[in-house]
Amino acid sequence: MKRSTLVNWLIVLAVVVLAGLPLLFVEGEFGGADGIAAEQIAADHPDYQPWFAPLFEPSAEVASGLFALQAAIGAGVIGYYFGVARTKRRLSAQRIDQATPDTPVDDAR
């Protein structure tokens, strides 16, 4: 097995362990940070009035879908960035390899 393949599998294993580990130690349901914050505000300041109300309250399914969409867009942006960075690095290395001592490398591109 190649070293890079082994490293990739170790990374996958680490991600699975990091994602699954909290499931072993958390009792009950996962609560969102917004709910905990609202409870704390209500306990500390019972007369607090919100400044505005939300325009709409999505159902749990819609909220979950919007969160998944946000995560997918973020992953796409990060993947695009790494793809562009890798392509730039590869093209730069190719230009340097193709350059001879008689021809200068054009860095304007």
PDB file of N, CA and C in Angstrom:
ATOM      1  N   MET A   1       0.845  -1.171   0.000  1.00  0.00           N
ATOM      2  CA  MET A   1       0.000   0.000   0.000  1.00  0.00           C
ATOM      3  C   MET A   1       0.897   1.243   0.000  1.00  0.00           C
ATOM      4  N   LYS A   2       0.541   2.188  -0.854  1.00  0.00           N
ATOM      5  CA  LYS A   2       1.327   3.422  -0.929  1.00  0.00           C
ATOM      6  C   LYS A   2       1.111   4.257   0.333  1.00  0.00           C
ATOM      7  N   ARG A   3       2.100   5.064   0.622  1.00  0.00           N
ATOM      8  CA  ARG A   3       2.037   5.908   1.819  1.00  0.00           C
ATOM      9  C   ARG A   3       0.864   6.889   1.741  1.00  0.00           C
ATOM     10  N   SER A   4       0.632   7.490   0.565  1.00  0.00           N
ATOM     11  CA  SER A   4      -0.462   8.456   0.447  1.00  0.00           C
ATOM     12  C   SER A   4      -1.818   7.788   0.651  1.00  0.00           C
ATOM     13  N   THR A   5      -1.966   6.555   0.204  1.00  0.00           N
ATOM     14  CA  THR A   5      -3.214   5.826   0.415  1.00  0.00           C
ATOM     15  C   THR A   5      -3.426   5.549   1.898  1.00  0.00           C
ATOM     16  N   LEU A   6      -2.370   5.155   2.573  1.00  0.00           N
ATOM     17  CA  LEU A   6      -2.456   4.909   4.005  1.00  0.00           C
ATOM     18  C   LEU A   6      -2.831   6.188   4.761  1.00  0.00           C
ATOM     19  N   VAL A   7      -2.203   7.289   4.395  1.00  0.00           N
ATOM     20  CA  VAL A   7      -2.508   8.563   5.052  1.00  0.00           C
ATOM     21  C   VAL A   7      -3.962   8.949   4.808  1.00  0.00           C
ATOM     22  N   ASN A   8      -4.446   8.762   3.585  1.00  0.00           N
ATOM     23  CA  ASN A   8      -5.842   9.086   3.287  1.00  0.00           C
ATOM     24  C   ASN A   8      -6.798   8.253   4.129  1.00  0.00           C
ATOM     25  N   TRP A   9      -6.539   6.958   4.273  1.00  0.00           N
ATOM     26  CA  TRP A   9      -7.404   6.106   5.079  1.00  0.00           C
ATOM     27  C   TRP A   9      -7.330   6.468   6.557  1.00  0.00           C
ATOM     28  N   LEU A  10      -6.164   6.863   7.021  1.00  0.00           N
ATOM     29  CA  LEU A  10      -6.046   7.299   8.417  1.00  0.00           C
ATOM     30  C   LEU A  10      -6.833   8.589   8.653  1.00  0.00           C
ATOM     31  N   ILE A  11      -6.829   9.482   7.682  1.00  0.00           N
ATOM     32  CA  ILE A  11      -7.607  10.721   7.800  1.00  0.00           C
ATOM     33  C   ILE A  11      -9.097  10.403   7.827  1.00  0.00           C
ATOM     34  N   VAL A  12      -9.540   9.503   6.953  1.00  0.00           N
ATOM     35  CA  VAL A  12     -10.954   9.104   6.942  1.00  0.00           C
ATOM     36  C   VAL A  12     -11.331   8.485   8.282  1.00  0.00           C
ATOM     37  N   LEU A  13     -10.496   7.629   8.809  1.00  0.00           N
ATOM     38  CA  LEU A  13     -10.750   7.007  10.107  1.00  0.00           C
ATOM     39  C   LEU A  13     -10.831   8.069  11.208  1.00  0.00           C
ATOM     40  N   ALA A  14      -9.923   9.027  11.189  1.00  0.00           N
ATOM     41  CA  ALA A  14      -9.938  10.096  12.199  1.00  0.00           C
ATOM     42  C   ALA A  14     -11.224  10.910  12.116  1.00  0.00           C
ATOM     43  N   VAL A  15     -11.692  11.202  10.914  1.00  0.00           N
ATOM     44  CA  VAL A  15     -12.935  11.964  10.757  1.00  0.00           C
ATOM     45  C   VAL A  15     -14.120  11.169  11.293  1.00  0.00           C
ATOM     46  N   VAL A  16     -14.164   9.884  10.978  1.00  0.00           N
ATOM     47  CA  VAL A  16     -15.263   9.040  11.469  1.00  0.00           C
ATOM     48  C   VAL A  16     -15.241   8.972  12.995  1.00  0.00           C
ATOM     49  N   VAL A  17     -14.059   8.810  13.577  1.00  0.00           N
ATOM     50  CA  VAL A  17     -13.955   8.746  15.042  1.00  0.00           C
ATOM     51  C   VAL A  17     -14.366  10.078  15.657  1.00  0.00           C
ATOM     52  N   LEU A  18     -13.909  11.193  15.086  1.00  0.00           N
ATOM     53  CA  LEU A  18     -14.257  12.503  15.637  1.00  0.00           C
ATOM     54  C   LEU A  18     -15.747  12.797  15.489  1.00  0.00           C
ATOM     55  N   ALA A  19     -16.367  12.305  14.434  1.00  0.00           N
ATOM     56  CA  ALA A  19     -17.800  12.523  14.255  1.00  0.00           C
ATOM     57  C   ALA A  19     -18.616  11.603  15.154  1.00  0.00           C
ATOM     58  N   GLY A  20     -18.137  10.391  15.387  1.00  0.00           N
ATOM     59  CA  GLY A  20     -18.895   9.425  16.169  1.00  0.00           C
ATOM     60  C   GLY A  20     -18.669   9.496  17.662  1.00  0.00           C
ATOM     61  N   LEU A  21     -17.529  10.006  18.077  1.00  0.00           N
ATOM     62  CA  LEU A  21     -17.188  10.059  19.500  1.00  0.00           C
ATOM     63  C   LEU A  21     -18.216  10.829  20.338  1.00  0.00           C
ATOM     64  N   PRO A  22     -18.684  11.981  19.909  1.00  0.00           N
ATOM     65  CA  PRO A  22     -19.684  12.692  20.719  1.00  0.00           C
ATOM     66  C   PRO A  22     -20.976  11.899  20.898  1.00  0.00           C
ATOM     67  N   LEU A  23     -21.303  11.053  19.935  1.00  0.00           N
ATOM     68  CA  LEU A  23     -22.530  10.268  20.055  1.00  0.00           C
ATOM     69  C   LEU A  23     -22.460   9.285  21.220  1.00  0.00           C
ATOM     70  N   LEU A  24     -21.269   8.885  21.588  1.00  0.00           N
ATOM     71  CA  LEU A  24     -21.111   7.955  22.702  1.00  0.00           C
ATOM     72  C   LEU A  24     -21.248   8.644  24.056  1.00  0.00           C
ATOM     73  N   PHE A  25     -20.887   9.925  24.128  1.00  0.00           N
ATOM     74  CA  PHE A  25     -20.831  10.608  25.411  1.00  0.00           C
ATOM     75  C   PHE A  25     -21.982  11.559  25.682  1.00  0.00           C
ATOM     76  N   VAL A  26     -22.784  11.877  24.668  1.00  0.00           N
ATOM     77  CA  VAL A  26     -23.888  12.808  24.861  1.00  0.00           C
ATOM     78  C   VAL A  26     -25.141  12.007  25.201  1.00  0.00           C
ATOM     79  N   GLU A  27     -25.766  12.355  26.294  1.00  0.00           N
ATOM     80  CA  GLU A  27     -27.000  11.690  26.694  1.00  0.00           C
ATOM     81  C   GLU A  27     -28.178  12.565  26.295  1.00  0.00           C
ATOM     82  N   GLY A  28     -29.230  11.959  25.807  1.00  0.00           N
ATOM     83  CA  GLY A  28     -30.406  12.717  25.400  1.00  0.00           C
ATOM     84  C   GLY A  28     -30.264  13.220  23.978  1.00  0.00           C
ATOM     85  N   GLU A  29     -31.046  14.240  23.675  1.00  0.00           N
ATOM     86  CA  GLU A  29     -31.046  14.794  22.328  1.00  0.00           C
ATOM     87  C   GLU A  29     -30.053  15.942  22.229  1.00  0.00           C
ATOM     88  N   PHE A  30     -29.631  16.188  20.997  1.00  0.00           N
ATOM     89  CA  PHE A  30     -28.785  17.351  20.762  1.00  0.00           C
ATOM     90  C   PHE A  30     -29.661  18.589  20.766  1.00  0.00           C
ATOM     91  N   GLY A  31     -29.263  19.580  21.515  1.00  0.00           N
ATOM     92  CA  GLY A  31     -29.983  20.846  21.528  1.00  0.00           C
ATOM     93  C   GLY A  31     -29.141  21.898  20.833  1.00  0.00           C
ATOM     94  N   GLY A  32     -29.797  22.783  20.162  1.00  0.00           N
ATOM     95  CA  GLY A  32     -29.076  23.841  19.466  1.00  0.00           C
ATOM     96  C   GLY A  32     -28.615  24.922  20.427  1.00  0.00           C
ATOM     97  N   ALA A  33     -27.625  25.662  20.009  1.00  0.00           N
ATOM     98  CA  ALA A  33     -27.101  26.750  20.831  1.00  0.00           C
ATOM     99  C   ALA A  33     -28.130  27.872  20.966  1.00  0.00           C
ATOM    100  N   ASP A  34     -28.988  28.053  19.960  1.00  0.00           N
ATOM    101  CA  ASP A  34     -29.993  29.112  20.036  1.00  0.00           C
ATOM    102  C   ASP A  34     -30.981  28.853  21.167  1.00  0.00           C
ATOM    103  N   GLY A  35     -31.393  27.604  21.302  1.00  0.00           N
ATOM    104  CA  GLY A  35     -32.339  27.266  22.371  1.00  0.00           C
ATOM    105  C   GLY A  35     -31.736  27.463  23.742  1.00  0.00           C
ATOM    106  N   ILE A  36     -30.498  27.072  23.905  1.00  0.00           N
ATOM    107  CA  ILE A  36     -29.814  27.239  25.195  1.00  0.00           C
ATOM    108  C   ILE A  36     -29.638  28.720  25.503  1.00  0.00           C
ATOM    109  N   ALA A  37     -29.294  29.522  24.489  1.00  0.00           N
ATOM    110  CA  ALA A  37     -29.119  30.961  24.696  1.00  0.00           C
ATOM    111  C   ALA A  37     -30.441  31.612  25.082  1.00  0.00           C
ATOM    112  N   ALA A  38     -31.531  31.227  24.425  1.00  0.00           N
ATOM    113  CA  ALA A  38     -32.838  31.799  24.755  1.00  0.00           C
ATOM    114  C   ALA A  38     -33.236  31.450  26.182  1.00  0.00           C
ATOM    115  N   GLU A  39     -32.978  30.211  26.598  1.00  0.00           N
ATOM    116  CA  GLU A  39     -33.287  29.815  27.976  1.00  0.00           C
ATOM    117  C   GLU A  39     -32.472  30.618  28.978  1.00  0.00           C
ATOM    118  N   GLN A  40     -31.212  30.840  28.690  1.00  0.00           N
ATOM    119  CA  GLN A  40     -30.338  31.590  29.601  1.00  0.00           C
ATOM    120  C   GLN A  40     -30.779  33.048  29.692  1.00  0.00           C
ATOM    121  N   ILE A  41     -31.152  33.638  28.558  1.00  0.00           N
ATOM    122  CA  ILE A  41     -31.619  35.030  28.568  1.00  0.00           C
ATOM    123  C   ILE A  41     -32.911  35.135  29.371  1.00  0.00           C
ATOM    124  N   ALA A  42     -33.828  34.190  29.166  1.00  0.00           N
ATOM    125  CA  ALA A  42     -35.088  34.213  29.911  1.00  0.00           C
ATOM    126  C   ALA A  42     -34.846  34.052  31.409  1.00  0.00           C
ATOM    127  N   ALA A  43     -33.854  33.242  31.790  1.00  0.00           N
ATOM    128  CA  ALA A  43     -33.555  33.050  33.212  1.00  0.00           C
ATOM    129  C   ALA A  43     -32.891  34.285  33.813  1.00  0.00           C
ATOM    130  N   ASP A  44     -31.975  34.920  33.076  1.00  0.00           N
ATOM    131  CA  ASP A  44     -31.251  36.075  33.597  1.00  0.00           C
ATOM    132  C   ASP A  44     -32.077  37.359  33.565  1.00  0.00           C
ATOM    133  N   HIS A  45     -32.872  37.529  32.505  1.00  0.00           N
ATOM    134  CA  HIS A  45     -33.654  38.757  32.313  1.00  0.00           C
ATOM    135  C   HIS A  45     -35.086  38.384  31.930  1.00  0.00           C
ATOM    136  N   PRO A  46     -35.930  38.106  32.915  1.00  0.00           N
ATOM    137  CA  PRO A  46     -37.282  37.644  32.591  1.00  0.00           C
ATOM    138  C   PRO A  46     -38.138  38.686  31.868  1.00  0.00           C
ATOM    139  N   ASP A  47     -37.808  39.967  31.985  1.00  0.00           N
ATOM    140  CA  ASP A  47     -38.606  41.011  31.333  1.00  0.00           C
ATOM    141  C   ASP A  47     -38.061  41.404  29.956  1.00  0.00           C
ATOM    142  N   TYR A  48     -37.118  40.659  29.432  1.00  0.00           N
ATOM    143  CA  TYR A  48     -36.513  40.971  28.136  1.00  0.00           C
ATOM    144  C   TYR A  48     -37.530  40.799  27.011  1.00  0.00           C
ATOM    145  N   GLN A  49     -37.586  41.768  26.118  1.00  0.00           N
ATOM    146  CA  GLN A  49     -38.446  41.703  24.939  1.00  0.00           C
ATOM    147  C   GLN A  49     -37.564  41.710  23.693  1.00  0.00           C
ATOM    148  N   PRO A  50     -37.738  40.764  22.778  1.00  0.00           N
ATOM    149  CA  PRO A  50     -36.933  40.764  21.551  1.00  0.00           C
ATOM    150  C   PRO A  50     -37.193  42.023  20.735  1.00  0.00           C
ATOM    151  N   TRP A  51     -36.201  42.449  19.978  1.00  0.00           N
ATOM    152  CA  TRP A  51     -36.319  43.650  19.160  1.00  0.00           C
ATOM    153  C   TRP A  51     -37.221  43.435  17.957  1.00  0.00           C
ATOM    154  N   PHE A  52     -37.206  42.222  17.422  1.00  0.00           N
ATOM    155  CA  PHE A  52     -38.045  41.929  16.263  1.00  0.00           C
ATOM    156  C   PHE A  52     -38.372  40.448  16.244  1.00  0.00           C
ATOM    157  N   ALA A  53     -39.319  40.093  15.421  1.00  0.00           N
ATOM    158  CA  ALA A  53     -39.726  38.692  15.284  1.00  0.00           C
ATOM    159  C   ALA A  53     -39.226  38.174  13.928  1.00  0.00           C
ATOM    160  N   PRO A  54     -38.956  36.884  13.819  1.00  0.00           N
ATOM    161  CA  PRO A  54     -38.510  36.345  12.531  1.00  0.00           C
ATOM    162  C   PRO A  54     -39.597  36.493  11.471  1.00  0.00           C
ATOM    163  N   LEU A  55     -39.169  36.607  10.210  1.00  0.00           N
ATOM    164  CA  LEU A  55     -40.122  36.742   9.117  1.00  0.00           C
ATOM    165  C   LEU A  55     -40.927  35.467   8.933  1.00  0.00           C
ATOM    166  N   PHE A  56     -40.290  34.318   9.093  1.00  0.00           N
ATOM    167  CA  PHE A  56     -40.998  33.040   9.040  1.00  0.00           C
ATOM    168  C   PHE A  56     -40.255  32.036   9.903  1.00  0.00           C
ATOM    169  N   GLU A  57     -40.985  31.081  10.406  1.00  0.00           N
ATOM    170  CA  GLU A  57     -40.417  30.014  11.230  1.00  0.00           C
ATOM    171  C   GLU A  57     -40.435  28.735  10.401  1.00  0.00           C
ATOM    172  N   PRO A  58     -39.295  28.313   9.870  1.00  0.00           N
ATOM    173  CA  PRO A  58     -39.308  27.090   9.063  1.00  0.00           C
ATOM    174  C   PRO A  58     -39.525  25.858   9.936  1.00  0.00           C
ATOM    175  N   SER A  59     -40.095  24.832   9.318  1.00  0.00           N
ATOM    176  CA  SER A  59     -40.258  23.576  10.039  1.00  0.00           C
ATOM    177  C   SER A  59     -38.883  22.941  10.249  1.00  0.00           C
ATOM    178  N   ALA A  60     -38.840  21.896  11.026  1.00  0.00           N
ATOM    179  CA  ALA A  60     -37.559  21.233  11.312  1.00  0.00           C
ATOM    180  C   ALA A  60     -36.943  20.680  10.029  1.00  0.00           C
ATOM    181  N   GLU A  61     -37.779  20.160   9.130  1.00  0.00           N
ATOM    182  CA  GLU A  61     -37.267  19.601   7.877  1.00  0.00           C
ATOM    183  C   GLU A  61     -36.679  20.694   6.993  1.00  0.00           C
ATOM    184  N   VAL A  62     -37.381  21.818   6.904  1.00  0.00           N
ATOM    185  CA  VAL A  62     -36.894  22.927   6.073  1.00  0.00           C
ATOM    186  C   VAL A  62     -35.621  23.504   6.668  1.00  0.00           C
ATOM    187  N   ALA A  63     -35.583  23.667   7.985  1.00  0.00           N
ATOM    188  CA  ALA A  63     -34.379  24.186   8.640  1.00  0.00           C
ATOM    189  C   ALA A  63     -33.204  23.248   8.406  1.00  0.00           C
ATOM    190  N   SER A  64     -33.445  21.949   8.497  1.00  0.00           N
ATOM    191  CA  SER A  64     -32.389  20.969   8.246  1.00  0.00           C
ATOM    192  C   SER A  64     -31.911  21.048   6.800  1.00  0.00           C
ATOM    193  N   GLY A  65     -32.844  21.192   5.864  1.00  0.00           N
ATOM    194  CA  GLY A  65     -32.479  21.321   4.454  1.00  0.00           C
ATOM    195  C   GLY A  65     -31.679  22.579   4.186  1.00  0.00           C
ATOM    196  N   LEU A  66     -32.075  23.699   4.804  1.00  0.00           N
ATOM    197  CA  LEU A  66     -31.322  24.947   4.626  1.00  0.00           C
ATOM    198  C   LEU A  66     -29.916  24.830   5.205  1.00  0.00           C
ATOM    199  N   PHE A  67     -29.805  24.150   6.338  1.00  0.00           N
ATOM    200  CA  PHE A  67     -28.485  23.945   6.926  1.00  0.00           C
ATOM    201  C   PHE A  67     -27.618  23.086   6.015  1.00  0.00           C
ATOM    202  N   ALA A  68     -28.201  22.028   5.448  1.00  0.00           N
ATOM    203  CA  ALA A  68     -27.458  21.164   4.523  1.00  0.00           C
ATOM    204  C   ALA A  68     -27.044  21.940   3.276  1.00  0.00           C
ATOM    205  N   LEU A  69     -27.921  22.804   2.786  1.00  0.00           N
ATOM    206  CA  LEU A  69     -27.589  23.630   1.621  1.00  0.00           C
ATOM    207  C   LEU A  69     -26.430  24.569   1.944  1.00  0.00           C
ATOM    208  N   GLN A  70     -26.471  25.182   3.124  1.00  0.00           N
ATOM    209  CA  GLN A  70     -25.388  26.069   3.548  1.00  0.00           C
ATOM    210  C   GLN A  70     -24.071  25.307   3.635  1.00  0.00           C
ATOM    211  N   ALA A  71     -24.108  24.103   4.187  1.00  0.00           N
ATOM    212  CA  ALA A  71     -22.897  23.293   4.300  1.00  0.00           C
ATOM    213  C   ALA A  71     -22.380  22.896   2.918  1.00  0.00           C
ATOM    214  N   ALA A  72     -23.276  22.565   1.999  1.00  0.00           N
ATOM    215  CA  ALA A  72     -22.868  22.187   0.648  1.00  0.00           C
ATOM    216  C   ALA A  72     -22.237  23.358  -0.096  1.00  0.00           C
ATOM    217  N   ILE A  73     -22.818  24.543   0.053  1.00  0.00           N
ATOM    218  CA  ILE A  73     -22.242  25.727  -0.595  1.00  0.00           C
ATOM    219  C   ILE A  73     -20.863  26.021  -0.015  1.00  0.00           C
ATOM    220  N   GLY A  74     -20.731  25.937   1.294  1.00  0.00           N
ATOM    221  CA  GLY A  74     -19.427  26.166   1.927  1.00  0.00           C
ATOM    222  C   GLY A  74     -18.392  25.155   1.473  1.00  0.00           C
ATOM    223  N   ALA A  75     -18.791  23.881   1.394  1.00  0.00           N
ATOM    224  CA  ALA A  75     -17.862  22.847   0.923  1.00  0.00           C
ATOM    225  C   ALA A  75     -17.477  23.088  -0.527  1.00  0.00           C
ATOM    226  N   GLY A  76     -18.424  23.542  -1.335  1.00  0.00           N
ATOM    227  CA  GLY A  76     -18.124  23.851  -2.738  1.00  0.00           C
ATOM    228  C   GLY A  76     -17.128  24.994  -2.872  1.00  0.00           C
ATOM    229  N   VAL A  77     -17.313  26.030  -2.079  1.00  0.00           N
ATOM    230  CA  VAL A  77     -16.389  27.175  -2.127  1.00  0.00           C
ATOM    231  C   VAL A  77     -14.991  26.749  -1.690  1.00  0.00           C
ATOM    232  N   ILE A  78     -14.898  25.984  -0.614  1.00  0.00           N
ATOM    233  CA  ILE A  78     -13.594  25.521  -0.130  1.00  0.00           C
ATOM    234  C   ILE A  78     -12.945  24.592  -1.151  1.00  0.00           C
ATOM    235  N   GLY A  79     -13.722  23.670  -1.718  1.00  0.00           N
ATOM    236  CA  GLY A  79     -13.189  22.769  -2.746  1.00  0.00           C
ATOM    237  C   GLY A  79     -12.713  23.520  -3.975  1.00  0.00           C
ATOM    238  N   TYR A  80     -13.475  24.535  -4.392  1.00  0.00           N
ATOM    239  CA  TYR A  80     -13.070  25.353  -5.538  1.00  0.00           C
ATOM    240  C   TYR A  80     -11.750  26.059  -5.245  1.00  0.00           C
ATOM    241  N   TYR A  81     -11.620  26.633  -4.042  1.00  0.00           N
ATOM    242  CA  TYR A  81     -10.397  27.334  -3.677  1.00  0.00           C
ATOM    243  C   TYR A  81      -9.199  26.394  -3.732  1.00  0.00           C
ATOM    244  N   PHE A  82      -9.323  25.208  -3.132  1.00  0.00           N
ATOM    245  CA  PHE A  82      -8.203  24.264  -3.140  1.00  0.00           C
ATOM    246  C   PHE A  82      -7.894  23.784  -4.554  1.00  0.00           C
ATOM    247  N   GLY A  83      -8.916  23.617  -5.379  1.00  0.00           N
ATOM    248  CA  GLY A  83      -8.686  23.226  -6.767  1.00  0.00           C
ATOM    249  C   GLY A  83      -7.933  24.292  -7.543  1.00  0.00           C
ATOM    250  N   VAL A  84      -8.316  25.537  -7.358  1.00  0.00           N
ATOM    251  CA  VAL A  84      -7.630  26.637  -8.039  1.00  0.00           C
ATOM    252  C   VAL A  84      -6.190  26.757  -7.545  1.00  0.00           C
ATOM    253  N   ALA A  85      -5.989  26.653  -6.239  1.00  0.00           N
ATOM    254  CA  ALA A  85      -4.638  26.750  -5.683  1.00  0.00           C
ATOM    255  C   ALA A  85      -3.754  25.619  -6.196  1.00  0.00           C
ATOM    256  N   ARG A  86      -4.299  24.408  -6.271  1.00  0.00           N
ATOM    257  CA  ARG A  86      -3.510  23.275  -6.754  1.00  0.00           C
ATOM    258  C   ARG A  86      -3.169  23.444  -8.232  1.00  0.00           C
ATOM    259  N   THR A  87      -4.132  23.910  -9.025  1.00  0.00           N
ATOM    260  CA  THR A  87      -3.890  24.111 -10.453  1.00  0.00           C
ATOM    261  C   THR A  87      -2.847  25.199 -10.672  1.00  0.00           C
ATOM    262  N   LYS A  88      -2.923  26.285  -9.913  1.00  0.00           N
ATOM    263  CA  LYS A  88      -1.911  27.346 -10.037  1.00  0.00           C
ATOM    264  C   LYS A  88      -0.523  26.809  -9.718  1.00  0.00           C
ATOM    265  N   ARG A  89      -0.426  26.024  -8.647  1.00  0.00           N
ATOM    266  CA  ARG A  89       0.866  25.471  -8.248  1.00  0.00           C
ATOM    267  C   ARG A  89       1.398  24.527  -9.322  1.00  0.00           C
ATOM    268  N   ARG A  90       0.518  23.698  -9.885  1.00  0.00           N
ATOM    269  CA  ARG A  90       0.939  22.741 -10.905  1.00  0.00           C
ATOM    270  C   ARG A  90       1.379  23.472 -12.182  1.00  0.00           C
ATOM    271  N   LEU A  91       0.627  24.493 -12.600  1.00  0.00           N
ATOM    272  CA  LEU A  91       0.997  25.236 -13.803  1.00  0.00           C
ATOM    273  C   LEU A  91       2.296  26.015 -13.598  1.00  0.00           C
ATOM    274  N   SER A  92       2.479  26.548 -12.402  1.00  0.00           N
ATOM    275  CA  SER A  92       3.715  27.262 -12.103  1.00  0.00           C
ATOM    276  C   SER A  92       4.911  26.320 -12.164  1.00  0.00           C
ATOM    277  N   ALA A  93       4.751  25.124 -11.618  1.00  0.00           N
ATOM    278  CA  ALA A  93       5.836  24.133 -11.658  1.00  0.00           C
ATOM    279  C   ALA A  93       6.123  23.707 -13.093  1.00  0.00           C
ATOM    280  N   GLN A  94       5.091  23.586 -13.915  1.00  0.00           N
ATOM    281  CA  GLN A  94       5.297  23.219 -15.315  1.00  0.00           C
ATOM    282  C   GLN A  94       6.045  24.311 -16.067  1.00  0.00           C
ATOM    283  N   ARG A  95       5.703  25.574 -15.801  1.00  0.00           N
ATOM    284  CA  ARG A  95       6.405  26.674 -16.476  1.00  0.00           C
ATOM    285  C   ARG A  95       7.870  26.704 -16.081  1.00  0.00           C
ATOM    286  N   ILE A  96       8.150  26.446 -14.811  1.00  0.00           N
ATOM    287  CA  ILE A  96       9.541  26.444 -14.358  1.00  0.00           C
ATOM    288  C   ILE A  96      10.297  25.282 -14.983  1.00  0.00           C
ATOM    289  N   ASP A  97       9.648  24.105 -15.069  1.00  0.00           N
ATOM    290  CA  ASP A  97      10.293  22.935 -15.677  1.00  0.00           C
ATOM    291  C   ASP A  97      10.554  23.138 -17.168  1.00  0.00           C
ATOM    292  N   GLN A  98       9.660  23.829 -17.850  1.00  0.00           N
ATOM    293  CA  GLN A  98       9.794  24.027 -19.289  1.00  0.00           C
ATOM    294  C   GLN A  98      10.766  25.144 -19.635  1.00  0.00           C
ATOM    295  N   ALA A  99      11.031  26.017 -18.687  1.00  0.00           N
ATOM    296  CA  ALA A  99      11.925  27.148 -18.961  1.00  0.00           C
ATOM    297  C   ALA A  99      13.365  26.647 -19.064  1.00  0.00           C
ATOM    298  N   THR A 100      14.052  27.191 -20.020  1.00  0.00           N
ATOM    299  CA  THR A 100      15.474  26.891 -20.150  1.00  0.00           C
ATOM    300  C   THR A 100      16.258  28.091 -19.672  1.00  0.00           C
ATOM    301  N   PRO A 101      17.554  27.945 -19.447  1.00  0.00           N
ATOM    302  CA  PRO A 101      18.335  29.097 -18.977  1.00  0.00           C
ATOM    303  C   PRO A 101      18.326  30.264 -19.964  1.00  0.00           C
ATOM    304  N   ASP A 102      18.073  29.998 -21.251  1.00  0.00           N
ATOM    305  CA  ASP A 102      18.076  31.069 -22.245  1.00  0.00           C
ATOM    306  C   ASP A 102      16.760  31.828 -22.293  1.00  0.00           C
ATOM    307  N   THR A 103      15.661  31.206 -21.871  1.00  0.00           N
ATOM    308  CA  THR A 103      14.365  31.873 -21.932  1.00  0.00           C
ATOM    309  C   THR A 103      13.885  32.175 -20.535  1.00  0.00           C
ATOM    310  N   PRO A 104      13.581  33.442 -20.234  1.00  0.00           N
ATOM    311  CA  PRO A 104      13.099  33.801 -18.898  1.00  0.00           C
ATOM    312  C   PRO A 104      11.656  33.333 -18.706  1.00  0.00           C
ATOM    313  N   VAL A 105      11.292  33.114 -17.461  1.00  0.00           N
ATOM    314  CA  VAL A 105       9.926  32.728 -17.121  1.00  0.00           C
ATOM    315  C   VAL A 105       9.091  33.986 -17.008  1.00  0.00           C
ATOM    316  N   ASP A 106       7.953  34.016 -17.694  1.00  0.00           N
ATOM    317  CA  ASP A 106       7.060  35.176 -17.655  1.00  0.00           C
ATOM    318  C   ASP A 106       6.146  35.051 -16.455  1.00  0.00           C
ATOM    319  N   ASP A 107       6.344  35.881 -15.423  1.00  0.00           N
ATOM    320  CA  ASP A 107       5.544  35.822 -14.201  1.00  0.00           C
ATOM    321  C   ASP A 107       4.280  36.658 -14.293  1.00  0.00           C
ATOM    322  N   ALA A 108       4.022  37.309 -15.418  1.00  0.00           N
ATOM    323  CA  ALA A 108       2.859  38.177 -15.550  1.00  0.00           C
ATOM    324  C   ALA A 108       1.567  37.387 -15.662  1.00  0.00           C
ATOM    325  N   ARG A 109       1.624  36.116 -15.992  1.00  0.00           N
ATOM    326  CA  ARG A 109       0.397  35.337 -16.170  1.00  0.00           C
ATOM    327  C   ARG A 109      -0.210  34.996 -14.880  1.00  0.00           C
TER     328      ARG A 109
END
